[in-house]
Amino acid sequence: MKTSNMRTSKFHASIVDMGTIKWKLAEFLEAHKLTAYRLATTLDSHTRTPTIYRIAKKNVELSRVDFTVLATVIEGLRELTGKDVSVSDLLEYREEV
């Protein structure tokens, strides 16, 4: 087997075995007695309402993270709760077993 194929195979194995990142926005909203609608209206036009509803569903797996959306959601939640909301409050890494 060629060295380049071995590297590719090892890389592929690590991709297959990697965990997932999930939004915890639904749990955060529930814990603070907030709704996706309330958050969306707080954000005005900075982030589209359907985006907020999509990421506010429980156990949403991410295919990518839009950092602008994440930052906007954090700012909106800080405004609504008066608390210091961080990335770890909204995203969770889960290892595949």
PDB file of N, CA and C in Angstrom:
ATOM      1  N   MET A   1       0.844  -1.176   0.000  1.00  0.00           N
ATOM      2  CA  MET A   1       0.000   0.000   0.000  1.00  0.00           C
ATOM      3  C   MET A   1       0.888   1.236   0.000  1.00  0.00           C
ATOM      4  N   LYS A   2       0.513   2.218  -0.757  1.00  0.00           N
ATOM      5  CA  LYS A   2       1.277   3.456  -0.831  1.00  0.00           C
ATOM      6  C   LYS A   2       1.097   4.276   0.440  1.00  0.00           C
ATOM      7  N   THR A   3       2.104   5.064   0.749  1.00  0.00           N
ATOM      8  CA  THR A   3       2.050   5.916   1.940  1.00  0.00           C
ATOM      9  C   THR A   3       0.875   6.885   1.879  1.00  0.00           C
ATOM     10  N   SER A   4       0.634   7.480   0.711  1.00  0.00           N
ATOM     11  CA  SER A   4      -0.466   8.444   0.603  1.00  0.00           C
ATOM     12  C   SER A   4      -1.809   7.784   0.865  1.00  0.00           C
ATOM     13  N   ASN A   5      -1.972   6.527   0.444  1.00  0.00           N
ATOM     14  CA  ASN A   5      -3.220   5.811   0.713  1.00  0.00           C
ATOM     15  C   ASN A   5      -3.371   5.531   2.201  1.00  0.00           C
ATOM     16  N   MET A   6      -2.254   5.225   2.866  1.00  0.00           N
ATOM     17  CA  MET A   6      -2.311   4.989   4.303  1.00  0.00           C
ATOM     18  C   MET A   6      -2.734   6.255   5.025  1.00  0.00           C
ATOM     19  N   ARG A   7      -2.194   7.377   4.612  1.00  0.00           N
ATOM     20  CA  ARG A   7      -2.583   8.643   5.236  1.00  0.00           C
ATOM     21  C   ARG A   7      -4.061   8.908   5.016  1.00  0.00           C
ATOM     22  N   THR A   8      -4.518   8.696   3.805  1.00  0.00           N
ATOM     23  CA  THR A   8      -5.931   8.909   3.497  1.00  0.00           C
ATOM     24  C   THR A   8      -6.796   7.973   4.318  1.00  0.00           C
ATOM     25  N   SER A   9      -6.402   6.711   4.439  1.00  0.00           N
ATOM     26  CA  SER A   9      -7.176   5.744   5.199  1.00  0.00           C
ATOM     27  C   SER A   9      -7.247   6.131   6.672  1.00  0.00           C
ATOM     28  N   LYS A  10      -6.130   6.550   7.237  1.00  0.00           N
ATOM     29  CA  LYS A  10      -6.128   6.972   8.638  1.00  0.00           C
ATOM     30  C   LYS A  10      -7.005   8.196   8.830  1.00  0.00           C
ATOM     31  N   PHE A  11      -6.916   9.133   7.892  1.00  0.00           N
ATOM     32  CA  PHE A  11      -7.731  10.337   7.981  1.00  0.00           C
ATOM     33  C   PHE A  11      -9.206   9.976   7.886  1.00  0.00           C
ATOM     34  N   HIS A  12      -9.554   9.116   6.955  1.00  0.00           N
ATOM     35  CA  HIS A  12     -10.948   8.706   6.792  1.00  0.00           C
ATOM     36  C   HIS A  12     -11.457   8.030   8.060  1.00  0.00           C
ATOM     37  N   ALA A  13     -10.649   7.182   8.668  1.00  0.00           N
ATOM     38  CA  ALA A  13     -11.066   6.506   9.897  1.00  0.00           C
ATOM     39  C   ALA A  13     -11.331   7.515  11.000  1.00  0.00           C
ATOM     40  N   SER A  14     -10.510   8.545  11.091  1.00  0.00           N
ATOM     41  CA  SER A  14     -10.718   9.530  12.141  1.00  0.00           C
ATOM     42  C   SER A  14     -11.980  10.337  11.896  1.00  0.00           C
ATOM     43  N   ILE A  15     -12.337  10.568  10.650  1.00  0.00           N
ATOM     44  CA  ILE A  15     -13.579  11.281  10.343  1.00  0.00           C
ATOM     45  C   ILE A  15     -14.781  10.426  10.714  1.00  0.00           C
ATOM     46  N   VAL A  16     -14.732   9.155  10.399  1.00  0.00           N
ATOM     47  CA  VAL A  16     -15.839   8.253  10.687  1.00  0.00           C
ATOM     48  C   VAL A  16     -16.066   8.142  12.190  1.00  0.00           C
ATOM     49  N   ASP A  17     -14.981   8.150  12.973  1.00  0.00           N
ATOM     50  CA  ASP A  17     -15.069   7.954  14.412  1.00  0.00           C
ATOM     51  C   ASP A  17     -15.279   9.241  15.203  1.00  0.00           C
ATOM     52  N   MET A  18     -15.327  10.378  14.537  1.00  0.00           N
ATOM     53  CA  MET A  18     -15.414  11.618  15.292  1.00  0.00           C
ATOM     54  C   MET A  18     -16.815  11.836  15.852  1.00  0.00           C
ATOM     55  N   GLY A  19     -16.901  12.677  16.850  1.00  0.00           N
ATOM     56  CA  GLY A  19     -18.165  12.965  17.494  1.00  0.00           C
ATOM     57  C   GLY A  19     -18.969  13.993  16.723  1.00  0.00           C
ATOM     58  N   THR A  20     -20.005  14.498  17.370  1.00  0.00           N
ATOM     59  CA  THR A  20     -20.863  15.502  16.749  1.00  0.00           C
ATOM     60  C   THR A  20     -21.001  16.708  17.668  1.00  0.00           C
ATOM     61  N   ILE A  21     -21.335  17.818  17.066  1.00  0.00           N
ATOM     62  CA  ILE A  21     -21.613  19.032  17.824  1.00  0.00           C
ATOM     63  C   ILE A  21     -23.099  19.311  17.699  1.00  0.00           C
ATOM     64  N   LYS A  22     -23.732  19.563  18.815  1.00  0.00           N
ATOM     65  CA  LYS A  22     -25.179  19.804  18.829  1.00  0.00           C
ATOM     66  C   LYS A  22     -25.480  21.144  19.485  1.00  0.00           C
ATOM     67  N   TRP A  23     -26.531  21.776  18.989  1.00  0.00           N
ATOM     68  CA  TRP A  23     -27.042  22.985  19.621  1.00  0.00           C
ATOM     69  C   TRP A  23     -27.753  22.610  20.911  1.00  0.00           C
ATOM     70  N   LYS A  24     -27.589  23.419  21.946  1.00  0.00           N
ATOM     71  CA  LYS A  24     -28.311  23.264  23.209  1.00  0.00           C
ATOM     72  C   LYS A  24     -29.255  24.449  23.423  1.00  0.00           C
ATOM     73  N   LEU A  25     -29.579  25.142  22.332  1.00  0.00           N
ATOM     74  CA  LEU A  25     -30.423  26.327  22.451  1.00  0.00           C
ATOM     75  C   LEU A  25     -31.797  25.989  23.010  1.00  0.00           C
ATOM     76  N   ALA A  26     -32.381  24.874  22.587  1.00  0.00           N
ATOM     77  CA  ALA A  26     -33.714  24.487  23.090  1.00  0.00           C
ATOM     78  C   ALA A  26     -33.706  24.340  24.607  1.00  0.00           C
ATOM     79  N   GLU A  27     -32.687  23.679  25.117  1.00  0.00           N
ATOM     80  CA  GLU A  27     -32.582  23.479  26.564  1.00  0.00           C
ATOM     81  C   GLU A  27     -32.349  24.800  27.291  1.00  0.00           C
ATOM     82  N   PHE A  28     -31.526  25.667  26.688  1.00  0.00           N
ATOM     83  CA  PHE A  28     -31.255  26.974  27.284  1.00  0.00           C
ATOM     84  C   PHE A  28     -32.538  27.794  27.362  1.00  0.00           C
ATOM     85  N   LEU A  29     -33.275  27.836  26.262  1.00  0.00           N
ATOM     86  CA  LEU A  29     -34.527  28.604  26.233  1.00  0.00           C
ATOM     87  C   LEU A  29     -35.504  28.069  27.273  1.00  0.00           C
ATOM     88  N   GLU A  30     -35.633  26.750  27.343  1.00  0.00           N
ATOM     89  CA  GLU A  30     -36.547  26.127  28.297  1.00  0.00           C
ATOM     90  C   GLU A  30     -36.148  26.457  29.739  1.00  0.00           C
ATOM     91  N   ALA A  31     -34.870  26.363  30.031  1.00  0.00           N
ATOM     92  CA  ALA A  31     -34.373  26.627  31.391  1.00  0.00           C
ATOM     93  C   ALA A  31     -34.610  28.074  31.814  1.00  0.00           C
ATOM     94  N   HIS A  32     -34.647  28.988  30.844  1.00  0.00           N
ATOM     95  CA  HIS A  32     -34.828  30.405  31.150  1.00  0.00           C
ATOM     96  C   HIS A  32     -36.235  30.904  30.805  1.00  0.00           C
ATOM     97  N   LYS A  33     -37.126  29.950  30.558  1.00  0.00           N
ATOM     98  CA  LYS A  33     -38.535  30.260  30.266  1.00  0.00           C
ATOM     99  C   LYS A  33     -38.668  31.260  29.107  1.00  0.00           C
ATOM    100  N   LEU A  34     -37.897  31.000  28.053  1.00  0.00           N
ATOM    101  CA  LEU A  34     -37.926  31.822  26.848  1.00  0.00           C
ATOM    102  C   LEU A  34     -38.393  30.974  25.673  1.00  0.00           C
ATOM    103  N   THR A  35     -38.797  31.630  24.607  1.00  0.00           N
ATOM    104  CA  THR A  35     -39.208  30.922  23.397  1.00  0.00           C
ATOM    105  C   THR A  35     -38.313  31.339  22.232  1.00  0.00           C
ATOM    106  N   ALA A  36     -38.325  30.507  21.206  1.00  0.00           N
ATOM    107  CA  ALA A  36     -37.574  30.842  19.993  1.00  0.00           C
ATOM    108  C   ALA A  36     -38.138  32.124  19.386  1.00  0.00           C
ATOM    109  N   TYR A  37     -39.453  32.295  19.469  1.00  0.00           N
ATOM    110  CA  TYR A  37     -40.078  33.508  18.941  1.00  0.00           C
ATOM    111  C   TYR A  37     -39.558  34.754  19.657  1.00  0.00           C
ATOM    112  N   ARG A  38     -39.492  34.682  20.968  1.00  0.00           N
ATOM    113  CA  ARG A  38     -39.011  35.829  21.750  1.00  0.00           C
ATOM    114  C   ARG A  38     -37.574  36.176  21.389  1.00  0.00           C
ATOM    115  N   LEU A  39     -36.740  35.148  21.247  1.00  0.00           N
ATOM    116  CA  LEU A  39     -35.354  35.380  20.853  1.00  0.00           C
ATOM    117  C   LEU A  39     -35.291  35.986  19.454  1.00  0.00           C
ATOM    118  N   ALA A  40     -36.052  35.431  18.529  1.00  0.00           N
ATOM    119  CA  ALA A  40     -36.044  35.923  17.148  1.00  0.00           C
ATOM    120  C   ALA A  40     -36.480  37.378  17.069  1.00  0.00           C
ATOM    121  N   THR A  41     -37.482  37.762  17.837  1.00  0.00           N
ATOM    122  CA  THR A  41     -37.938  39.154  17.797  1.00  0.00           C
ATOM    123  C   THR A  41     -36.935  40.093  18.458  1.00  0.00           C
ATOM    124  N   THR A  42     -36.187  39.586  19.407  1.00  0.00           N
ATOM    125  CA  THR A  42     -35.132  40.387  20.040  1.00  0.00           C
ATOM    126  C   THR A  42     -34.005  40.662  19.061  1.00  0.00           C
ATOM    127  N   LEU A  43     -33.728  39.702  18.192  1.00  0.00           N
ATOM    128  CA  LEU A  43     -32.629  39.829  17.248  1.00  0.00           C
ATOM    129  C   LEU A  43     -32.980  40.707  16.051  1.00  0.00           C
ATOM    130  N   ASP A  44     -34.242  41.082  15.900  1.00  0.00           N
ATOM    131  CA  ASP A  44     -34.705  41.883  14.767  1.00  0.00           C
ATOM    132  C   ASP A  44     -34.306  41.212  13.460  1.00  0.00           C
ATOM    133  N   SER A  45     -33.647  41.936  12.612  1.00  0.00           N
ATOM    134  CA  SER A  45     -33.300  41.387  11.302  1.00  0.00           C
ATOM    135  C   SER A  45     -31.864  40.872  11.241  1.00  0.00           C
ATOM    136  N   HIS A  46     -31.183  40.816  12.377  1.00  0.00           N
ATOM    137  CA  HIS A  46     -29.791  40.356  12.374  1.00  0.00           C
ATOM    138  C   HIS A  46     -29.679  38.887  11.977  1.00  0.00           C
ATOM    139  N   THR A  47     -30.626  38.082  12.378  1.00  0.00           N
ATOM    140  CA  THR A  47     -30.651  36.662  12.043  1.00  0.00           C
ATOM    141  C   THR A  47     -32.082  36.308  11.680  1.00  0.00           C
ATOM    142  N   ARG A  48     -32.254  35.581  10.606  1.00  0.00           N
ATOM    143  CA  ARG A  48     -33.593  35.240  10.131  1.00  0.00           C
ATOM    144  C   ARG A  48     -34.328  34.354  11.134  1.00  0.00           C
ATOM    145  N   THR A  49     -35.613  34.602  11.290  1.00  0.00           N
ATOM    146  CA  THR A  49     -36.450  33.837  12.222  1.00  0.00           C
ATOM    147  C   THR A  49     -36.412  32.335  11.943  1.00  0.00           C
ATOM    148  N   PRO A  50     -36.498  31.876  10.679  1.00  0.00           N
ATOM    149  CA  PRO A  50     -36.422  30.417  10.444  1.00  0.00           C
ATOM    150  C   PRO A  50     -35.118  29.792  10.936  1.00  0.00           C
ATOM    151  N   THR A  51     -34.042  30.543  10.892  1.00  0.00           N
ATOM    152  CA  THR A  51     -32.763  30.047  11.400  1.00  0.00           C
ATOM    153  C   THR A  51     -32.854  29.797  12.899  1.00  0.00           C
ATOM    154  N   ILE A  52     -33.441  30.730  13.620  1.00  0.00           N
ATOM    155  CA  ILE A  52     -33.599  30.577  15.072  1.00  0.00           C
ATOM    156  C   ILE A  52     -34.484  29.375  15.383  1.00  0.00           C
ATOM    157  N   TYR A  53     -35.588  29.228  14.686  1.00  0.00           N
ATOM    158  CA  TYR A  53     -36.469  28.082  14.918  1.00  0.00           C
ATOM    159  C   TYR A  53     -35.753  26.766  14.620  1.00  0.00           C
ATOM    160  N   ARG A  54     -34.931  26.728  13.575  1.00  0.00           N
ATOM    161  CA  ARG A  54     -34.217  25.502  13.214  1.00  0.00           C
ATOM    162  C   ARG A  54     -33.219  25.107  14.296  1.00  0.00           C
ATOM    163  N   ILE A  55     -32.441  26.064  14.787  1.00  0.00           N
ATOM    164  CA  ILE A  55     -31.435  25.715  15.795  1.00  0.00           C
ATOM    165  C   ILE A  55     -32.032  25.580  17.199  1.00  0.00           C
ATOM    166  N   ALA A  56     -33.277  26.004  17.366  1.00  0.00           N
ATOM    167  CA  ALA A  56     -33.934  25.877  18.675  1.00  0.00           C
ATOM    168  C   ALA A  56     -34.641  24.530  18.840  1.00  0.00           C
ATOM    169  N   LYS A  57     -34.575  23.667  17.831  1.00  0.00           N
ATOM    170  CA  LYS A  57     -35.133  22.322  17.974  1.00  0.00           C
ATOM    171  C   LYS A  57     -34.173  21.488  18.804  1.00  0.00           C
ATOM    172  N   LYS A  58     -34.713  20.560  19.583  1.00  0.00           N
ATOM    173  CA  LYS A  58     -33.868  19.721  20.434  1.00  0.00           C
ATOM    174  C   LYS A  58     -32.994  18.795  19.597  1.00  0.00           C
ATOM    175  N   ASN A  59     -31.761  18.605  20.064  1.00  0.00           N
ATOM    176  CA  ASN A  59     -30.793  17.677  19.475  1.00  0.00           C
ATOM    177  C   ASN A  59     -30.470  17.961  18.017  1.00  0.00           C
ATOM    178  N   VAL A  60     -30.371  19.220  17.647  1.00  0.00           N
ATOM    179  CA  VAL A  60     -30.015  19.576  16.282  1.00  0.00           C
ATOM    180  C   VAL A  60     -28.512  19.385  16.096  1.00  0.00           C
ATOM    181  N   GLU A  61     -28.141  18.502  15.151  1.00  0.00           N
ATOM    182  CA  GLU A  61     -26.735  18.301  14.828  1.00  0.00           C
ATOM    183  C   GLU A  61     -26.297  19.370  13.843  1.00  0.00           C
ATOM    184  N   LEU A  62     -25.077  19.800  13.981  1.00  0.00           N
ATOM    185  CA  LEU A  62     -24.551  20.835  13.101  1.00  0.00           C
ATOM    186  C   LEU A  62     -23.779  20.231  11.948  1.00  0.00           C
ATOM    187  N   SER A  63     -23.992  20.785  10.776  1.00  0.00           N
ATOM    188  CA  SER A  63     -23.128  20.432   9.659  1.00  0.00           C
ATOM    189  C   SER A  63     -22.060  21.516   9.514  1.00  0.00           C
ATOM    190  N   ARG A  64     -22.385  22.703  10.038  1.00  0.00           N
ATOM    191  CA  ARG A  64     -21.430  23.811  10.064  1.00  0.00           C
ATOM    192  C   ARG A  64     -21.915  24.811  11.108  1.00  0.00           C
ATOM    193  N   VAL A  65     -21.010  25.652  11.542  1.00  0.00           N
ATOM    194  CA  VAL A  65     -21.368  26.694  12.506  1.00  0.00           C
ATOM    195  C   VAL A  65     -21.155  28.046  11.830  1.00  0.00           C
ATOM    196  N   ASP A  66     -22.196  28.836  11.807  1.00  0.00           N
ATOM    197  CA  ASP A  66     -22.089  30.211  11.311  1.00  0.00           C
ATOM    198  C   ASP A  66     -21.782  31.067  12.537  1.00  0.00           C
ATOM    199  N   PHE A  67     -20.554  31.543  12.623  1.00  0.00           N
ATOM    200  CA  PHE A  67     -20.130  32.273  13.823  1.00  0.00           C
ATOM    201  C   PHE A  67     -20.886  33.588  14.002  1.00  0.00           C
ATOM    202  N   THR A  68     -21.327  34.186  12.923  1.00  0.00           N
ATOM    203  CA  THR A  68     -22.118  35.414  13.042  1.00  0.00           C
ATOM    204  C   THR A  68     -23.451  35.106  13.714  1.00  0.00           C
ATOM    205  N   VAL A  69     -24.085  34.015  13.310  1.00  0.00           N
ATOM    206  CA  VAL A  69     -25.352  33.610  13.934  1.00  0.00           C
ATOM    207  C   VAL A  69     -25.117  33.280  15.398  1.00  0.00           C
ATOM    208  N   LEU A  70     -24.074  32.514  15.691  1.00  0.00           N
ATOM    209  CA  LEU A  70     -23.766  32.150  17.078  1.00  0.00           C
ATOM    210  C   LEU A  70     -23.554  33.394  17.938  1.00  0.00           C
ATOM    211  N   ALA A  71     -22.770  34.335  17.451  1.00  0.00           N
ATOM    212  CA  ALA A  71     -22.507  35.567  18.203  1.00  0.00           C
ATOM    213  C   ALA A  71     -23.783  36.376  18.403  1.00  0.00           C
ATOM    214  N   THR A  72     -24.613  36.434  17.374  1.00  0.00           N
ATOM    215  CA  THR A  72     -25.869  37.183  17.466  1.00  0.00           C
ATOM    216  C   THR A  72     -26.809  36.544  18.476  1.00  0.00           C
ATOM    217  N   VAL A  73     -26.893  35.217  18.457  1.00  0.00           N
ATOM    218  CA  VAL A  73     -27.748  34.499  19.413  1.00  0.00           C
ATOM    219  C   VAL A  73     -27.245  34.735  20.836  1.00  0.00           C
ATOM    220  N   ILE A  74     -25.948  34.670  21.040  1.00  0.00           N
ATOM    221  CA  ILE A  74     -25.380  34.926  22.376  1.00  0.00           C
ATOM    222  C   ILE A  74     -25.738  36.332  22.851  1.00  0.00           C
ATOM    223  N   GLU A  75     -25.573  37.317  21.990  1.00  0.00           N
ATOM    224  CA  GLU A  75     -25.909  38.700  22.373  1.00  0.00           C
ATOM    225  C   GLU A  75     -27.395  38.834  22.706  1.00  0.00           C
ATOM    226  N   GLY A  76     -28.250  38.204  21.904  1.00  0.00           N
ATOM    227  CA  GLY A  76     -29.694  38.257  22.164  1.00  0.00           C
ATOM    228  C   GLY A  76     -30.052  37.617  23.490  1.00  0.00           C
ATOM    229  N   LEU A  77     -29.448  36.471  23.780  1.00  0.00           N
ATOM    230  CA  LEU A  77     -29.723  35.785  25.046  1.00  0.00           C
ATOM    231  C   LEU A  77     -29.185  36.557  26.239  1.00  0.00           C
ATOM    232  N   ARG A  78     -28.055  37.208  26.067  1.00  0.00           N
ATOM    233  CA  ARG A  78     -27.530  38.059  27.134  1.00  0.00           C
ATOM    234  C   ARG A  78     -28.490  39.201  27.422  1.00  0.00           C
ATOM    235  N   GLU A  79     -29.046  39.776  26.365  1.00  0.00           N
ATOM    236  CA  GLU A  79     -30.006  40.875  26.535  1.00  0.00           C
ATOM    237  C   GLU A  79     -31.268  40.385  27.239  1.00  0.00           C
ATOM    238  N   LEU A  80     -31.759  39.213  26.864  1.00  0.00           N
ATOM    239  CA  LEU A  80     -33.005  38.688  27.436  1.00  0.00           C
ATOM    240  C   LEU A  80     -32.841  38.205  28.878  1.00  0.00           C
ATOM    241  N   THR A  81     -31.691  37.605  29.187  1.00  0.00           N
ATOM    242  CA  THR A  81     -31.518  37.013  30.514  1.00  0.00           C
ATOM    243  C   THR A  81     -30.741  37.896  31.480  1.00  0.00           C
ATOM    244  N   GLY A  82     -29.963  38.823  30.957  1.00  0.00           N
ATOM    245  CA  GLY A  82     -29.101  39.628  31.808  1.00  0.00           C
ATOM    246  C   GLY A  82     -27.928  38.833  32.353  1.00  0.00           C
ATOM    247  N   LYS A  83     -27.667  37.663  31.761  1.00  0.00           N
ATOM    248  CA  LYS A  83     -26.586  36.795  32.221  1.00  0.00           C
ATOM    249  C   LYS A  83     -25.486  36.724  31.176  1.00  0.00           C
ATOM    250  N   ASP A  84     -24.316  36.272  31.608  1.00  0.00           N
ATOM    251  CA  ASP A  84     -23.171  36.113  30.721  1.00  0.00           C
ATOM    252  C   ASP A  84     -23.278  34.761  30.013  1.00  0.00           C
ATOM    253  N   VAL A  85     -23.881  34.748  28.850  1.00  0.00           N
ATOM    254  CA  VAL A  85     -24.069  33.532  28.067  1.00  0.00           C
ATOM    255  C   VAL A  85     -22.792  33.275  27.260  1.00  0.00           C
ATOM    256  N   SER A  86     -22.364  32.015  27.211  1.00  0.00           N
ATOM    257  CA  SER A  86     -21.143  31.687  26.472  1.00  0.00           C
ATOM    258  C   SER A  86     -21.420  30.589  25.441  1.00  0.00           C
ATOM    259  N   VAL A  87     -20.435  30.317  24.628  1.00  0.00           N
ATOM    260  CA  VAL A  87     -20.548  29.290  23.588  1.00  0.00           C
ATOM    261  C   VAL A  87     -20.897  27.938  24.206  1.00  0.00           C
ATOM    262  N   SER A  88     -20.293  27.606  25.329  1.00  0.00           N
ATOM    263  CA  SER A  88     -20.549  26.307  25.962  1.00  0.00           C
ATOM    264  C   SER A  88     -21.987  26.174  26.481  1.00  0.00           C
ATOM    265  N   ASP A  89     -22.682  27.279  26.639  1.00  0.00           N
ATOM    266  CA  ASP A  89     -24.093  27.224  27.014  1.00  0.00           C
ATOM    267  C   ASP A  89     -24.958  26.795  25.838  1.00  0.00           C
ATOM    268  N   LEU A  90     -24.436  26.958  24.625  1.00  0.00           N
ATOM    269  CA  LEU A  90     -25.244  26.735  23.421  1.00  0.00           C
ATOM    270  C   LEU A  90     -24.794  25.584  22.539  1.00  0.00           C
ATOM    271  N   LEU A  91     -23.548  25.158  22.660  1.00  0.00           N
ATOM    272  CA  LEU A  91     -23.031  24.071  21.841  1.00  0.00           C
ATOM    273  C   LEU A  91     -22.463  22.975  22.721  1.00  0.00           C
ATOM    274  N   GLU A  92     -22.613  21.738  22.252  1.00  0.00           N
ATOM    275  CA  GLU A  92     -22.107  20.598  23.011  1.00  0.00           C
ATOM    276  C   GLU A  92     -21.449  19.613  22.058  1.00  0.00           C
ATOM    277  N   TYR A  93     -20.281  19.126  22.427  1.00  0.00           N
ATOM    278  CA  TYR A  93     -19.587  18.104  21.660  1.00  0.00           C
ATOM    279  C   TYR A  93     -19.925  16.743  22.275  1.00  0.00           C
ATOM    280  N   ARG A  94     -20.390  15.818  21.437  1.00  0.00           N
ATOM    281  CA  ARG A  94     -20.705  14.466  21.912  1.00  0.00           C
ATOM    282  C   ARG A  94     -19.846  13.465  21.145  1.00  0.00           C
ATOM    283  N   GLU A  95     -19.104  12.662  21.897  1.00  0.00           N
ATOM    284  CA  GLU A  95     -18.280  11.632  21.275  1.00  0.00           C
ATOM    285  C   GLU A  95     -19.159  10.484  20.801  1.00  0.00           C
ATOM    286  N   GLU A  96     -18.790   9.930  19.660  1.00  0.00           N
ATOM    287  CA  GLU A  96     -19.477   8.739  19.162  1.00  0.00           C
ATOM    288  C   GLU A  96     -18.986   7.546  19.949  1.00  0.00           C
ATOM    289  N   VAL A  97     -19.891   6.703  20.339  1.00  0.00           N
ATOM    290  CA  VAL A  97     -19.520   5.513  21.138  1.00  0.00           C
ATOM    291  C   VAL A  97     -19.562   4.277  20.270  1.00  0.00           C
TER     292      VAL A  97
END
